[in-house]
Amino acid sequence: FIGQIGAVVQLRRERNRPRPYKMWLYPLPCILALVGWSYMYLTAAPLFIVLGLVTLLAGSAAFLLWAWRTEGWPFGTKEAG
């Protein structure tokens, strides 16, 4: 979920175009979500932190393998969508 918070901020900065929705009090909801998820992550048992990191690495590897086979980003010139 922390990655999604970063993606919202990045999309808002790079592609500032009209959207069908508005985030009230932006960026306060992003900051509150980041604080909450960071607290949950940092206070979790070490086993759950390791399992989360393993899941993140496995998902990243699966994405990179898929992108490589389909010649998509970051290995080719195809854009997603």
N, C-alpha and C. Protein backbone atom coordinates (compact mmCIF):
# COMPACT_ATOMS: atom_id res chain seq x y z
N PHE A 1 0.82 -1.19 0.00
CA PHE A 1 0.00 0.00 0.00
C PHE A 1 0.86 1.26 0.00
N ILE A 2 2.05 1.17 0.55
CA ILE A 2 2.95 2.32 0.55
C ILE A 2 3.33 2.67 -0.89
N GLY A 3 3.51 1.67 -1.73
CA GLY A 3 3.80 1.92 -3.14
C GLY A 3 2.67 2.65 -3.84
N GLN A 4 1.44 2.33 -3.48
CA GLN A 4 0.29 3.02 -4.08
C GLN A 4 0.26 4.49 -3.68
N ILE A 5 0.67 4.79 -2.48
CA ILE A 5 0.71 6.19 -2.04
C ILE A 5 1.72 6.95 -2.89
N GLY A 6 2.88 6.35 -3.11
CA GLY A 6 3.89 6.98 -3.96
C GLY A 6 3.41 7.14 -5.40
N ALA A 7 2.67 6.16 -5.89
CA ALA A 7 2.16 6.23 -7.26
C ALA A 7 1.15 7.35 -7.43
N VAL A 8 0.29 7.56 -6.43
CA VAL A 8 -0.69 8.65 -6.49
C VAL A 8 0.02 9.99 -6.58
N VAL A 9 1.04 10.17 -5.77
CA VAL A 9 1.79 11.43 -5.77
C VAL A 9 2.52 11.62 -7.09
N GLN A 10 3.15 10.56 -7.59
CA GLN A 10 3.88 10.66 -8.85
C GLN A 10 2.94 10.96 -10.02
N LEU A 11 1.83 10.28 -10.11
CA LEU A 11 0.88 10.55 -11.19
C LEU A 11 0.35 11.97 -11.12
N ARG A 12 0.10 12.45 -9.93
CA ARG A 12 -0.43 13.80 -9.80
C ARG A 12 0.61 14.83 -10.24
N ARG A 13 1.89 14.58 -9.97
CA ARG A 13 2.94 15.51 -10.37
C ARG A 13 3.24 15.45 -11.86
N GLU A 14 3.33 14.24 -12.42
CA GLU A 14 3.75 14.08 -13.80
C GLU A 14 2.63 14.26 -14.81
N ARG A 15 1.44 13.86 -14.47
CA ARG A 15 0.32 13.89 -15.41
C ARG A 15 -0.83 14.68 -14.82
N ASN A 16 -0.62 15.95 -14.66
CA ASN A 16 -1.64 16.80 -14.05
C ASN A 16 -2.69 17.15 -15.09
N ARG A 17 -3.70 16.31 -15.20
CA ARG A 17 -4.79 16.50 -16.15
C ARG A 17 -6.11 16.30 -15.41
N PRO A 18 -7.20 16.71 -16.03
CA PRO A 18 -8.51 16.54 -15.36
C PRO A 18 -8.80 15.07 -15.05
N ARG A 19 -9.34 14.83 -13.87
CA ARG A 19 -9.69 13.48 -13.46
C ARG A 19 -11.15 13.45 -13.02
N PRO A 20 -11.76 12.28 -13.05
CA PRO A 20 -13.17 12.18 -12.65
C PRO A 20 -13.37 12.18 -11.13
N TYR A 21 -12.30 12.36 -10.39
CA TYR A 21 -12.39 12.34 -8.94
C TYR A 21 -11.45 13.40 -8.37
N LYS A 22 -11.64 13.75 -7.14
CA LYS A 22 -10.75 14.67 -6.44
C LYS A 22 -10.42 14.06 -5.08
N MET A 23 -9.21 14.28 -4.63
CA MET A 23 -8.81 13.83 -3.30
C MET A 23 -8.87 15.06 -2.39
N TRP A 24 -9.83 15.08 -1.49
CA TRP A 24 -9.98 16.22 -0.59
C TRP A 24 -8.75 16.35 0.29
N LEU A 25 -8.34 17.57 0.52
CA LEU A 25 -7.23 17.92 1.41
C LEU A 25 -5.90 17.30 0.98
N TYR A 26 -5.73 17.06 -0.34
CA TYR A 26 -4.48 16.49 -0.83
C TYR A 26 -3.34 17.39 -0.42
N PRO A 27 -2.25 16.91 0.08
CA PRO A 27 -1.75 15.55 0.24
C PRO A 27 -1.95 14.96 1.64
N LEU A 28 -2.77 15.58 2.47
CA LEU A 28 -2.97 15.09 3.84
C LEU A 28 -3.40 13.62 3.90
N PRO A 29 -4.35 13.14 3.07
CA PRO A 29 -4.70 11.71 3.14
C PRO A 29 -3.52 10.80 2.80
N CYS A 30 -2.67 11.23 1.87
CA CYS A 30 -1.49 10.43 1.54
C CYS A 30 -0.52 10.36 2.71
N ILE A 31 -0.33 11.48 3.37
CA ILE A 31 0.59 11.51 4.51
C ILE A 31 0.06 10.66 5.66
N LEU A 32 -1.23 10.77 5.95
CA LEU A 32 -1.83 9.95 7.02
C LEU A 32 -1.75 8.46 6.70
N ALA A 33 -2.02 8.10 5.45
CA ALA A 33 -1.93 6.69 5.05
C ALA A 33 -0.49 6.19 5.16
N LEU A 34 0.47 7.01 4.74
CA LEU A 34 1.88 6.62 4.83
C LEU A 34 2.30 6.41 6.28
N VAL A 35 1.89 7.29 7.16
CA VAL A 35 2.22 7.15 8.58
C VAL A 35 1.59 5.88 9.15
N GLY A 36 0.32 5.64 8.82
CA GLY A 36 -0.37 4.46 9.34
C GLY A 36 0.23 3.15 8.84
N TRP A 37 0.48 3.06 7.55
CA TRP A 37 1.05 1.82 7.00
C TRP A 37 2.49 1.63 7.46
N SER A 38 3.25 2.71 7.60
CA SER A 38 4.62 2.59 8.09
C SER A 38 4.63 2.08 9.53
N TYR A 39 3.71 2.61 10.34
CA TYR A 39 3.61 2.15 11.72
C TYR A 39 3.28 0.65 11.77
N MET A 40 2.32 0.23 10.96
CA MET A 40 1.95 -1.19 10.95
C MET A 40 3.12 -2.06 10.51
N TYR A 41 3.86 -1.59 9.52
CA TYR A 41 5.00 -2.37 9.01
C TYR A 41 6.11 -2.45 10.05
N LEU A 42 6.45 -1.30 10.63
CA LEU A 42 7.59 -1.27 11.55
C LEU A 42 7.31 -1.94 12.89
N THR A 43 6.05 -2.08 13.28
CA THR A 43 5.74 -2.73 14.55
C THR A 43 5.34 -4.20 14.38
N ALA A 44 5.39 -4.70 13.16
CA ALA A 44 5.06 -6.11 12.92
C ALA A 44 6.19 -7.01 13.40
N ALA A 45 5.86 -8.26 13.60
CA ALA A 45 6.87 -9.24 13.98
C ALA A 45 7.85 -9.43 12.83
N PRO A 46 9.11 -9.71 13.13
CA PRO A 46 10.12 -9.88 12.07
C PRO A 46 9.73 -10.91 11.01
N LEU A 47 9.05 -11.97 11.40
CA LEU A 47 8.63 -12.98 10.44
C LEU A 47 7.72 -12.37 9.37
N PHE A 48 6.78 -11.52 9.77
CA PHE A 48 5.85 -10.93 8.82
C PHE A 48 6.55 -9.91 7.92
N ILE A 49 7.55 -9.22 8.46
CA ILE A 49 8.33 -8.29 7.63
C ILE A 49 9.08 -9.07 6.56
N VAL A 50 9.71 -10.17 6.95
CA VAL A 50 10.45 -10.99 5.98
C VAL A 50 9.50 -11.58 4.94
N LEU A 51 8.36 -12.08 5.37
CA LEU A 51 7.39 -12.63 4.41
C LEU A 51 6.89 -11.55 3.46
N GLY A 52 6.69 -10.35 3.94
CA GLY A 52 6.28 -9.25 3.08
C GLY A 52 7.34 -8.92 2.05
N LEU A 53 8.60 -8.90 2.47
CA LEU A 53 9.69 -8.61 1.53
C LEU A 53 9.86 -9.73 0.50
N VAL A 54 9.71 -10.98 0.94
CA VAL A 54 9.79 -12.11 0.00
C VAL A 54 8.66 -12.02 -1.03
N THR A 55 7.46 -11.69 -0.58
CA THR A 55 6.33 -11.54 -1.49
C THR A 55 6.59 -10.40 -2.48
N LEU A 56 7.13 -9.29 -2.00
CA LEU A 56 7.45 -8.16 -2.86
C LEU A 56 8.48 -8.56 -3.92
N LEU A 57 9.52 -9.27 -3.52
CA LEU A 57 10.54 -9.71 -4.47
C LEU A 57 9.99 -10.71 -5.48
N ALA A 58 9.14 -11.64 -5.02
CA ALA A 58 8.55 -12.61 -5.94
C ALA A 58 7.64 -11.93 -6.95
N GLY A 59 6.86 -10.97 -6.50
CA GLY A 59 5.99 -10.22 -7.42
C GLY A 59 6.79 -9.41 -8.41
N SER A 60 7.87 -8.78 -7.96
CA SER A 60 8.73 -8.01 -8.86
C SER A 60 9.38 -8.91 -9.90
N ALA A 61 9.84 -10.08 -9.47
CA ALA A 61 10.46 -11.03 -10.40
C ALA A 61 9.43 -11.52 -11.43
N ALA A 62 8.21 -11.82 -10.99
CA ALA A 62 7.17 -12.27 -11.91
C ALA A 62 6.85 -11.18 -12.92
N PHE A 63 6.76 -9.92 -12.47
CA PHE A 63 6.49 -8.82 -13.39
C PHE A 63 7.61 -8.66 -14.40
N LEU A 64 8.85 -8.70 -13.94
CA LEU A 64 9.97 -8.53 -14.86
C LEU A 64 10.05 -9.67 -15.87
N LEU A 65 9.76 -10.89 -15.44
CA LEU A 65 9.73 -12.02 -16.37
C LEU A 65 8.63 -11.83 -17.41
N TRP A 66 7.45 -11.43 -16.99
CA TRP A 66 6.34 -11.17 -17.91
C TRP A 66 6.68 -10.04 -18.88
N ALA A 67 7.25 -8.95 -18.36
CA ALA A 67 7.62 -7.81 -19.21
C ALA A 67 8.69 -8.20 -20.22
N TRP A 68 9.62 -9.03 -19.80
CA TRP A 68 10.69 -9.48 -20.71
C TRP A 68 10.11 -10.34 -21.83
N ARG A 69 9.19 -11.25 -21.48
CA ARG A 69 8.61 -12.13 -22.48
C ARG A 69 7.69 -11.40 -23.46
N THR A 70 7.03 -10.34 -23.00
CA THR A 70 6.13 -9.59 -23.87
C THR A 70 6.79 -8.35 -24.47
N GLU A 71 8.08 -8.17 -24.16
CA GLU A 71 8.86 -7.02 -24.63
C GLU A 71 8.22 -5.70 -24.22
N GLY A 72 7.66 -5.68 -23.04
CA GLY A 72 7.05 -4.47 -22.50
C GLY A 72 8.05 -3.71 -21.65
N TRP A 73 7.54 -2.64 -21.02
CA TRP A 73 8.41 -1.84 -20.17
C TRP A 73 8.96 -2.71 -19.06
N PRO A 74 10.19 -2.66 -18.72
CA PRO A 74 11.28 -1.79 -19.13
C PRO A 74 12.18 -2.37 -20.21
N PHE A 75 11.78 -3.47 -20.82
CA PHE A 75 12.65 -4.17 -21.77
C PHE A 75 12.39 -3.82 -23.23
N GLY A 76 11.30 -3.19 -23.53
CA GLY A 76 10.96 -2.89 -24.92
C GLY A 76 10.38 -1.51 -25.05
N THR A 77 9.75 -1.29 -26.18
CA THR A 77 9.19 0.04 -26.43
C THR A 77 7.69 0.06 -26.24
N LYS A 78 7.06 -1.09 -25.98
CA LYS A 78 5.62 -1.12 -25.76
C LYS A 78 5.29 -0.43 -24.45
N GLU A 79 4.19 0.33 -24.47
CA GLU A 79 3.71 0.94 -23.22
C GLU A 79 2.54 0.12 -22.71
N ALA A 80 2.38 0.13 -21.40
CA ALA A 80 1.26 -0.59 -20.81
C ALA A 80 -0.05 0.07 -21.21
N GLY A 81 -1.07 -0.77 -21.40
CA GLY A 81 -2.40 -0.23 -21.71
C GLY A 81 -2.64 -0.18 -23.10
